Structures are given as C-alpha cells and as structure tokens.
Amino acid sequence: MFFDDTDLERTMKIRVMIAKPGLDGHDRGAKYIARALRDAGMEVIYTGIRQTPEQIVNAAIQEDVDVVGLSLLSGAHNFLFPKVAELFKENGKDDILLFGGGVIPDEDIDFLKSKGFKAIFTPGTSAQEVIDYIKESMKNE
C-alpha cells in the first residue's frame, strides 16, 4: 500500500518527554512547551519537577520516547544535562534526540551541545520554533 508523508505523520506520533532535573521547581515553561507539543500532534510525557538524571533516563526508556527535552532554571545545567546524556549513552540510548531549555547563558550552549544536546532554547524562543525543530529533526532520523 502506498502512503505519503501526511499518512505517516498521522500514524506515527513523535513521542516526547519533557523533564525538570534537579531541584528547580519552576515548571511554567516546561508545561507550556509540553502543551504546545501536544497541540502540534506529538505524544508528550511530562515527568514533573525535581527529577534525578536516573529517573529521567529510566522513564524515557520505559516510555520508548524519541525525544527528551530538559528544562532548567536553577543554573545546574552544566552538571545535570551532561549527566542525563551520559546515562543515555551508558544505556545504549544515545539515539534519543536531546534538547534543553531554560535560563542558560550563551557561553554554556556550545559545551552542552558537545555533550549530546542537539539544541538549546533560551528565554524568548517561540513554541513554534521548538515544534519545527523537533519535526524537522525527526524527519532526518
């Protein structure tokens, strides 16, 4: 049977997990992005606040997600984001698309990308930009 990309898009939803690592309890942005991704047709799992890197990786593996987005405002991104990426690699899941967001200084973005995060979204990024980034990235997988 022949089907085009629109048929495929309808039958294969992108599975995204949004997580808040560490002690950061501010989740408005993460919930906003989670809703926007859901409204864009993606299947979204939101883990809630104060998750350990191990909890995030275990949940992502159990949920068989394609994409993991981490949100952090506490300043611990240079420790927590790489730890999550390292645990995915240790579990043979380094094919999961990782992105981050939050209050992250420009000078830290290259470091985070070198650790496995494909994109870092900072304050002021539109939800549509995140949606487009994920959809475009998943087309290339």
N, C-alpha and C. Protein backbone atom coordinates (compact mmCIF):
# COMPACT_ATOMS: atom_id res chain seq x y z
N MET A 1 0.84 -1.17 0.00
CA MET A 1 0.00 0.00 0.00
C MET A 1 0.89 1.24 0.00
N PHE A 2 0.56 2.20 -0.80
CA PHE A 2 1.33 3.45 -0.89
C PHE A 2 0.72 4.50 0.02
N PHE A 3 1.56 5.21 0.74
CA PHE A 3 1.07 6.34 1.52
C PHE A 3 2.14 7.42 1.52
N ASP A 4 1.69 8.64 1.67
CA ASP A 4 2.63 9.76 1.65
C ASP A 4 2.99 10.19 3.07
N ASP A 5 3.81 11.24 3.18
CA ASP A 5 4.27 11.71 4.49
C ASP A 5 3.13 12.09 5.42
N THR A 6 2.03 12.61 4.88
CA THR A 6 0.94 13.01 5.77
C THR A 6 0.29 11.78 6.39
N ASP A 7 0.19 10.67 5.64
CA ASP A 7 -0.33 9.44 6.22
C ASP A 7 0.60 8.93 7.32
N LEU A 8 1.89 8.99 7.08
CA LEU A 8 2.87 8.54 8.05
C LEU A 8 2.80 9.40 9.31
N GLU A 9 2.67 10.70 9.14
CA GLU A 9 2.59 11.62 10.27
C GLU A 9 1.37 11.32 11.13
N ARG A 10 0.27 10.92 10.49
CA ARG A 10 -0.95 10.61 11.25
C ARG A 10 -0.83 9.31 12.02
N THR A 11 -0.05 8.34 11.52
CA THR A 11 0.01 7.04 12.15
C THR A 11 1.18 6.89 13.12
N MET A 12 2.22 7.69 12.98
CA MET A 12 3.39 7.56 13.82
C MET A 12 3.65 8.88 14.56
N LYS A 13 3.11 8.99 15.74
CA LYS A 13 3.31 10.21 16.52
C LYS A 13 4.72 10.24 17.09
N ILE A 14 5.27 11.42 17.12
CA ILE A 14 6.56 11.62 17.77
C ILE A 14 6.32 11.59 19.27
N ARG A 15 7.08 10.76 19.97
CA ARG A 15 6.95 10.64 21.43
C ARG A 15 8.02 11.50 22.10
N VAL A 16 7.58 12.48 22.87
CA VAL A 16 8.48 13.43 23.51
C VAL A 16 8.28 13.38 25.03
N MET A 17 9.39 13.40 25.75
CA MET A 17 9.32 13.51 27.20
C MET A 17 9.93 14.85 27.60
N ILE A 18 9.21 15.59 28.42
CA ILE A 18 9.70 16.85 28.98
C ILE A 18 9.97 16.60 30.46
N ALA A 19 11.19 16.97 30.90
CA ALA A 19 11.58 16.69 32.28
C ALA A 19 12.27 17.89 32.93
N LYS A 20 12.15 17.96 34.23
CA LYS A 20 12.76 19.02 35.04
C LYS A 20 13.77 18.36 35.99
N PRO A 21 15.06 18.37 35.63
CA PRO A 21 16.05 17.74 36.52
C PRO A 21 16.42 18.65 37.69
N GLY A 22 16.90 18.02 38.74
CA GLY A 22 17.43 18.77 39.88
C GLY A 22 16.35 19.38 40.75
N LEU A 23 16.74 20.40 41.49
CA LEU A 23 15.86 20.99 42.48
C LEU A 23 15.01 22.15 41.97
N ASP A 24 15.11 22.43 40.69
CA ASP A 24 14.36 23.53 40.09
C ASP A 24 12.86 23.21 40.15
N GLY A 25 12.11 24.05 40.82
CA GLY A 25 10.67 23.82 40.95
C GLY A 25 9.81 24.70 40.06
N HIS A 26 10.43 25.48 39.21
CA HIS A 26 9.69 26.39 38.32
C HIS A 26 9.36 25.66 37.03
N ASP A 27 8.10 25.33 36.84
CA ASP A 27 7.75 24.47 35.70
C ASP A 27 6.79 25.10 34.70
N ARG A 28 6.54 26.37 34.80
CA ARG A 28 5.59 27.01 33.87
C ARG A 28 6.04 26.84 32.42
N GLY A 29 7.31 27.10 32.14
CA GLY A 29 7.81 26.99 30.77
C GLY A 29 7.76 25.56 30.25
N ALA A 30 8.12 24.61 31.11
CA ALA A 30 8.09 23.20 30.70
C ALA A 30 6.67 22.76 30.38
N LYS A 31 5.72 23.17 31.21
CA LYS A 31 4.32 22.81 30.95
C LYS A 31 3.80 23.49 29.69
N TYR A 32 4.22 24.71 29.46
CA TYR A 32 3.82 25.44 28.25
C TYR A 32 4.31 24.70 27.00
N ILE A 33 5.59 24.32 27.01
CA ILE A 33 6.14 23.61 25.85
C ILE A 33 5.48 22.24 25.70
N ALA A 34 5.25 21.54 26.80
CA ALA A 34 4.58 20.24 26.73
C ALA A 34 3.21 20.36 26.07
N ARG A 35 2.44 21.37 26.47
CA ARG A 35 1.11 21.58 25.87
C ARG A 35 1.22 21.94 24.38
N ALA A 36 2.18 22.78 24.04
CA ALA A 36 2.35 23.19 22.65
C ALA A 36 2.73 21.99 21.78
N LEU A 37 3.59 21.13 22.28
CA LEU A 37 3.98 19.94 21.52
C LEU A 37 2.80 18.99 21.36
N ARG A 38 2.03 18.84 22.42
CA ARG A 38 0.82 18.00 22.35
C ARG A 38 -0.16 18.57 21.32
N ASP A 39 -0.37 19.87 21.38
CA ASP A 39 -1.29 20.52 20.44
C ASP A 39 -0.80 20.42 19.00
N ALA A 40 0.51 20.23 18.83
CA ALA A 40 1.09 20.07 17.49
C ALA A 40 1.04 18.62 17.01
N GLY A 41 0.41 17.75 17.81
CA GLY A 41 0.21 16.37 17.39
C GLY A 41 1.21 15.37 17.93
N MET A 42 2.07 15.79 18.82
CA MET A 42 3.04 14.87 19.40
C MET A 42 2.47 14.23 20.65
N GLU A 43 2.97 13.05 20.96
CA GLU A 43 2.60 12.38 22.21
C GLU A 43 3.60 12.85 23.26
N VAL A 44 3.12 13.45 24.34
CA VAL A 44 4.01 14.09 25.31
C VAL A 44 3.84 13.46 26.69
N ILE A 45 4.97 13.17 27.30
CA ILE A 45 5.03 12.70 28.67
C ILE A 45 5.74 13.78 29.46
N TYR A 46 5.11 14.28 30.50
CA TYR A 46 5.74 15.27 31.37
C TYR A 46 6.02 14.60 32.71
N THR A 47 7.28 14.58 33.13
CA THR A 47 7.66 13.83 34.33
C THR A 47 7.45 14.60 35.62
N GLY A 48 7.26 15.91 35.53
CA GLY A 48 7.12 16.71 36.74
C GLY A 48 8.46 17.25 37.19
N ILE A 49 8.44 17.94 38.33
CA ILE A 49 9.63 18.62 38.83
C ILE A 49 10.49 17.70 39.69
N ARG A 50 11.71 18.17 39.90
CA ARG A 50 12.67 17.57 40.83
C ARG A 50 13.00 16.11 40.51
N GLN A 51 13.31 15.85 39.26
CA GLN A 51 13.67 14.51 38.83
C GLN A 51 15.19 14.35 38.84
N THR A 52 15.66 13.18 39.21
CA THR A 52 17.09 12.89 39.12
C THR A 52 17.41 12.50 37.68
N PRO A 53 18.67 12.62 37.27
CA PRO A 53 19.03 12.14 35.93
C PRO A 53 18.65 10.68 35.72
N GLU A 54 18.83 9.86 36.74
CA GLU A 54 18.48 8.44 36.62
C GLU A 54 16.98 8.25 36.40
N GLN A 55 16.17 9.00 37.12
CA GLN A 55 14.71 8.90 36.94
C GLN A 55 14.32 9.31 35.53
N ILE A 56 14.93 10.35 35.02
CA ILE A 56 14.62 10.84 33.68
C ILE A 56 14.96 9.79 32.64
N VAL A 57 16.15 9.24 32.73
CA VAL A 57 16.58 8.24 31.74
C VAL A 57 15.73 6.98 31.84
N ASN A 58 15.46 6.51 33.05
CA ASN A 58 14.62 5.32 33.21
C ASN A 58 13.22 5.53 32.64
N ALA A 59 12.63 6.70 32.91
CA ALA A 59 11.29 6.98 32.38
C ALA A 59 11.31 7.05 30.86
N ALA A 60 12.33 7.67 30.30
CA ALA A 60 12.41 7.79 28.84
C ALA A 60 12.54 6.41 28.18
N ILE A 61 13.32 5.55 28.79
CA ILE A 61 13.48 4.19 28.24
C ILE A 61 12.18 3.42 28.37
N GLN A 62 11.53 3.50 29.53
CA GLN A 62 10.26 2.80 29.73
C GLN A 62 9.18 3.29 28.78
N GLU A 63 9.17 4.58 28.53
CA GLU A 63 8.15 5.18 27.66
C GLU A 63 8.51 5.09 26.18
N ASP A 64 9.72 4.62 25.88
CA ASP A 64 10.18 4.46 24.50
C ASP A 64 10.03 5.75 23.69
N VAL A 65 10.57 6.84 24.25
CA VAL A 65 10.43 8.14 23.60
C VAL A 65 11.46 8.33 22.50
N ASP A 66 11.14 9.24 21.59
CA ASP A 66 12.04 9.62 20.51
C ASP A 66 12.88 10.83 20.89
N VAL A 67 12.31 11.68 21.74
CA VAL A 67 12.89 12.98 22.06
C VAL A 67 12.77 13.23 23.56
N VAL A 68 13.82 13.83 24.15
CA VAL A 68 13.76 14.26 25.54
C VAL A 68 14.16 15.72 25.59
N GLY A 69 13.30 16.53 26.22
CA GLY A 69 13.60 17.93 26.44
C GLY A 69 13.73 18.19 27.92
N LEU A 70 14.85 18.78 28.31
CA LEU A 70 15.08 19.14 29.71
C LEU A 70 14.92 20.63 29.88
N SER A 71 14.29 21.02 30.98
CA SER A 71 14.09 22.43 31.30
C SER A 71 14.73 22.71 32.65
N LEU A 72 15.56 23.76 32.69
CA LEU A 72 16.25 24.06 33.94
C LEU A 72 16.48 25.55 34.08
N LEU A 73 16.13 26.06 35.25
CA LEU A 73 16.30 27.48 35.54
C LEU A 73 17.26 27.71 36.71
N SER A 74 17.73 26.65 37.33
CA SER A 74 18.49 26.77 38.58
C SER A 74 19.97 27.04 38.40
N GLY A 75 20.48 26.90 37.18
CA GLY A 75 21.91 27.12 36.95
C GLY A 75 22.73 25.86 37.00
N ALA A 76 22.13 24.71 37.24
CA ALA A 76 22.87 23.45 37.33
C ALA A 76 22.94 22.71 35.99
N HIS A 77 22.63 23.39 34.90
CA HIS A 77 22.58 22.74 33.58
C HIS A 77 23.91 22.12 33.16
N ASN A 78 25.04 22.73 33.51
CA ASN A 78 26.34 22.19 33.09
C ASN A 78 26.69 20.89 33.81
N PHE A 79 26.00 20.58 34.87
CA PHE A 79 26.18 19.30 35.55
C PHE A 79 25.07 18.32 35.18
N LEU A 80 23.81 18.75 35.30
CA LEU A 80 22.68 17.83 35.14
C LEU A 80 22.45 17.41 33.69
N PHE A 81 22.53 18.34 32.74
CA PHE A 81 22.30 17.96 31.34
C PHE A 81 23.32 16.92 30.86
N PRO A 82 24.63 17.14 31.06
CA PRO A 82 25.60 16.12 30.63
C PRO A 82 25.41 14.78 31.34
N LYS A 83 25.00 14.82 32.60
CA LYS A 83 24.77 13.57 33.32
C LYS A 83 23.64 12.77 32.66
N VAL A 84 22.59 13.44 32.26
CA VAL A 84 21.49 12.75 31.57
C VAL A 84 21.99 12.16 30.25
N ALA A 85 22.73 12.93 29.48
CA ALA A 85 23.26 12.44 28.20
C ALA A 85 24.18 11.23 28.41
N GLU A 86 25.01 11.30 29.46
CA GLU A 86 25.92 10.20 29.77
C GLU A 86 25.15 8.93 30.12
N LEU A 87 24.09 9.06 30.90
CA LEU A 87 23.29 7.89 31.27
C LEU A 87 22.57 7.28 30.07
N PHE A 88 22.11 8.12 29.15
CA PHE A 88 21.51 7.58 27.92
C PHE A 88 22.54 6.77 27.15
N LYS A 89 23.74 7.31 27.04
CA LYS A 89 24.82 6.62 26.33
C LYS A 89 25.14 5.28 27.01
N GLU A 90 25.26 5.29 28.33
CA GLU A 90 25.54 4.06 29.09
C GLU A 90 24.46 3.00 28.89
N ASN A 91 23.25 3.42 28.64
CA ASN A 91 22.12 2.50 28.44
C ASN A 91 21.87 2.18 26.97
N GLY A 92 22.78 2.59 26.09
CA GLY A 92 22.64 2.30 24.67
C GLY A 92 21.52 3.06 24.00
N LYS A 93 21.15 4.21 24.56
CA LYS A 93 20.04 5.01 24.03
C LYS A 93 20.50 6.39 23.58
N ASP A 94 21.71 6.48 23.06
CA ASP A 94 22.20 7.78 22.62
C ASP A 94 21.62 8.21 21.28
N ASP A 95 20.64 7.44 20.76
CA ASP A 95 19.94 7.83 19.55
C ASP A 95 18.71 8.70 19.84
N ILE A 96 18.40 8.89 21.12
CA ILE A 96 17.28 9.75 21.51
C ILE A 96 17.70 11.20 21.31
N LEU A 97 16.87 11.97 20.64
CA LEU A 97 17.15 13.38 20.40
C LEU A 97 17.01 14.15 21.71
N LEU A 98 18.09 14.84 22.11
CA LEU A 98 18.08 15.62 23.35
C LEU A 98 18.09 17.10 23.03
N PHE A 99 17.22 17.84 23.74
CA PHE A 99 17.28 19.30 23.67
C PHE A 99 17.06 19.85 25.07
N GLY A 100 17.51 21.06 25.27
CA GLY A 100 17.36 21.69 26.57
C GLY A 100 16.80 23.08 26.43
N GLY A 101 16.32 23.58 27.55
CA GLY A 101 15.80 24.93 27.56
C GLY A 101 15.82 25.50 28.95
N GLY A 102 15.71 26.80 29.01
CA GLY A 102 15.69 27.48 30.29
C GLY A 102 16.63 28.67 30.28
N VAL A 103 16.97 29.08 31.48
CA VAL A 103 17.88 30.21 31.63
C VAL A 103 19.30 29.68 31.54
N ILE A 104 19.82 29.66 30.32
CA ILE A 104 21.14 29.10 30.05
C ILE A 104 21.97 30.17 29.35
N PRO A 105 23.09 30.56 29.95
CA PRO A 105 23.93 31.58 29.33
C PRO A 105 24.47 31.14 27.97
N ASP A 106 24.58 32.08 27.06
CA ASP A 106 25.09 31.78 25.71
C ASP A 106 26.43 31.05 25.76
N GLU A 107 27.28 31.42 26.71
CA GLU A 107 28.61 30.81 26.77
C GLU A 107 28.59 29.33 27.18
N ASP A 108 27.47 28.83 27.65
CA ASP A 108 27.35 27.41 28.03
C ASP A 108 26.77 26.55 26.92
N ILE A 109 26.22 27.15 25.90
CA ILE A 109 25.50 26.39 24.87
C ILE A 109 26.42 25.45 24.10
N ASP A 110 27.58 25.90 23.67
CA ASP A 110 28.49 25.02 22.93
C ASP A 110 28.92 23.82 23.78
N PHE A 111 29.18 24.05 25.07
CA PHE A 111 29.54 22.96 25.97
C PHE A 111 28.42 21.92 26.01
N LEU A 112 27.18 22.36 26.18
CA LEU A 112 26.06 21.43 26.26
C LEU A 112 25.87 20.67 24.95
N LYS A 113 26.07 21.35 23.84
CA LYS A 113 25.97 20.67 22.55
C LYS A 113 27.07 19.62 22.39
N SER A 114 28.25 19.91 22.92
CA SER A 114 29.35 18.94 22.84
C SER A 114 29.07 17.70 23.68
N LYS A 115 28.14 17.82 24.62
CA LYS A 115 27.78 16.69 25.49
C LYS A 115 26.59 15.90 24.97
N GLY A 116 26.04 16.29 23.81
CA GLY A 116 24.98 15.49 23.20
C GLY A 116 23.65 16.18 23.02
N PHE A 117 23.54 17.43 23.46
CA PHE A 117 22.28 18.16 23.26
C PHE A 117 22.31 18.82 21.89
N LYS A 118 21.32 18.49 21.09
CA LYS A 118 21.30 18.98 19.71
C LYS A 118 20.84 20.41 19.60
N ALA A 119 20.06 20.88 20.58
CA ALA A 119 19.58 22.26 20.56
C ALA A 119 19.37 22.73 21.99
N ILE A 120 19.61 24.02 22.20
CA ILE A 120 19.34 24.66 23.48
C ILE A 120 18.47 25.88 23.19
N PHE A 121 17.31 25.93 23.83
CA PHE A 121 16.37 27.02 23.64
C PHE A 121 16.37 27.91 24.88
N THR A 122 16.56 29.18 24.67
CA THR A 122 16.65 30.13 25.77
C THR A 122 15.38 30.96 25.87
N PRO A 123 15.24 31.75 26.93
CA PRO A 123 14.03 32.56 27.08
C PRO A 123 13.75 33.40 25.83
N GLY A 124 12.48 33.46 25.47
CA GLY A 124 12.08 34.21 24.29
C GLY A 124 11.90 33.35 23.05
N THR A 125 12.35 32.10 23.11
CA THR A 125 12.15 31.18 21.99
C THR A 125 10.67 30.86 21.87
N SER A 126 10.14 30.91 20.67
CA SER A 126 8.72 30.61 20.49
C SER A 126 8.49 29.10 20.54
N ALA A 127 7.31 28.72 20.98
CA ALA A 127 6.94 27.31 20.99
C ALA A 127 6.99 26.74 19.58
N GLN A 128 6.61 27.55 18.60
CA GLN A 128 6.62 27.08 17.21
C GLN A 128 8.03 26.71 16.76
N GLU A 129 9.02 27.45 17.23
CA GLU A 129 10.41 27.14 16.89
C GLU A 129 10.82 25.77 17.43
N VAL A 130 10.38 25.46 18.63
CA VAL A 130 10.68 24.14 19.23
C VAL A 130 9.95 23.05 18.45
N ILE A 131 8.70 23.27 18.15
CA ILE A 131 7.91 22.31 17.37
C ILE A 131 8.57 22.04 16.02
N ASP A 132 8.89 23.10 15.32
CA ASP A 132 9.52 22.95 13.99
C ASP A 132 10.85 22.22 14.09
N TYR A 133 11.63 22.54 15.11
CA TYR A 133 12.93 21.90 15.29
C TYR A 133 12.75 20.38 15.47
N ILE A 134 11.83 19.99 16.33
CA ILE A 134 11.62 18.56 16.59
C ILE A 134 11.13 17.85 15.33
N LYS A 135 10.13 18.43 14.68
CA LYS A 135 9.59 17.78 13.47
C LYS A 135 10.66 17.65 12.39
N GLU A 136 11.44 18.68 12.19
CA GLU A 136 12.50 18.63 11.17
C GLU A 136 13.57 17.60 11.55
N SER A 137 13.93 17.57 12.81
CA SER A 137 14.95 16.61 13.27
C SER A 137 14.48 15.17 13.12
N MET A 138 13.21 14.93 13.41
CA MET A 138 12.69 13.57 13.32
C MET A 138 12.51 13.11 11.88
N LYS A 139 12.32 14.04 10.96
CA LYS A 139 12.26 13.67 9.53
C LYS A 139 13.59 13.10 9.08
N ASN A 140 14.67 13.60 9.66
CA ASN A 140 16.00 13.20 9.24
C ASN A 140 16.50 11.94 9.94
N GLU A 141 15.70 11.39 10.83
CA GLU A 141 16.11 10.18 11.57
C GLU A 141 15.80 8.94 10.78
